[in-house]
Amino acid sequence: MSDPALDEIAERPKPGEPVRDGIGEEDHPIPTWFNVTFAASIVFALFYAPYYMLSGWSSSGQWAE
């Protein structure tokens, strides 16, 4: 015997059960442009961080000029 209150807590609908209120959960993959932008930002950070730390440039030095 199933408790009706617990049936309402399920995250995914049971097979063969209609979607309630016309709202259904869809599982779409992340867009390619998002993945490419994310990977490009990581590559940029891998080059920019060492350059910034090793170049000796600082905003206080720039302000003093």
Protein backbone atom coordinates (compact mmCIF):
# COMPACT_ATOMS: atom_id res chain seq x y z
CA MET A 1 0.00 0.00 0.00
CA SER A 2 1.29 3.34 -1.02
CA ASP A 3 0.91 6.55 0.97
CA PRO A 4 -0.71 9.22 -1.29
CA ALA A 5 1.23 12.00 0.45
CA LEU A 6 4.54 10.37 -0.50
CA ASP A 7 3.47 9.94 -4.13
CA GLU A 8 3.32 13.74 -4.49
CA ILE A 9 6.98 14.16 -3.45
CA ALA A 10 8.47 12.23 -6.39
CA GLU A 11 10.88 14.32 -8.48
CA ARG A 12 10.19 12.60 -11.78
CA PRO A 13 6.81 11.50 -13.06
CA LYS A 14 6.12 7.80 -13.12
CA PRO A 15 6.11 6.14 -16.56
CA GLY A 16 2.74 6.42 -18.24
CA GLU A 17 1.56 9.15 -15.87
CA PRO A 18 0.41 12.45 -17.44
CA VAL A 19 2.31 15.65 -16.75
CA ARG A 20 0.59 17.67 -14.05
CA ASP A 21 -0.65 21.19 -14.80
CA GLY A 22 0.96 21.05 -18.24
CA ILE A 23 4.40 21.57 -16.70
CA GLY A 24 7.03 18.98 -17.45
CA GLU A 25 10.72 18.76 -16.65
CA GLU A 26 12.86 18.73 -19.75
CA ASP A 27 16.46 17.62 -19.84
CA HIS A 28 18.32 19.63 -22.46
CA PRO A 29 22.12 19.57 -22.84
CA ILE A 30 24.14 22.70 -22.13
CA PRO A 31 24.58 24.77 -25.33
CA THR A 32 27.87 24.38 -27.20
CA TRP A 33 28.56 28.13 -27.12
CA PHE A 34 28.41 28.03 -23.32
CA ASN A 35 30.90 25.15 -23.08
CA VAL A 36 33.26 26.85 -25.57
CA THR A 37 33.10 30.16 -23.69
CA PHE A 38 33.73 28.41 -20.38
CA ALA A 39 36.76 26.53 -21.76
CA ALA A 40 38.12 29.71 -23.38
CA SER A 41 37.87 31.61 -20.09
CA ILE A 42 39.88 28.88 -18.33
CA VAL A 43 42.56 28.93 -21.06
CA PHE A 44 42.70 32.74 -20.85
CA ALA A 45 43.09 32.59 -17.06
CA LEU A 46 45.92 30.04 -17.33
CA PHE A 47 47.93 32.48 -19.45
CA TYR A 48 46.82 35.77 -17.88
CA ALA A 49 47.38 34.94 -14.20
CA PRO A 50 51.10 34.05 -14.52
CA TYR A 51 51.66 37.01 -16.87
CA TYR A 52 50.05 39.42 -14.41
CA MET A 53 51.99 38.01 -11.42
CA LEU A 54 55.37 37.87 -13.17
CA SER A 55 55.21 41.13 -15.15
CA GLY A 56 55.77 43.35 -12.12
CA TRP A 57 52.93 45.66 -13.11
CA SER A 58 50.80 47.06 -10.31
CA SER A 59 48.07 49.65 -10.11
CA SER A 60 49.93 51.52 -7.35
CA GLY A 61 53.02 51.75 -9.58
CA GLN A 62 50.87 53.00 -12.43
CA TRP A 63 49.28 55.62 -10.16
CA ALA A 64 52.74 56.86 -9.02
CA GLU A 65 53.75 57.64 -12.63
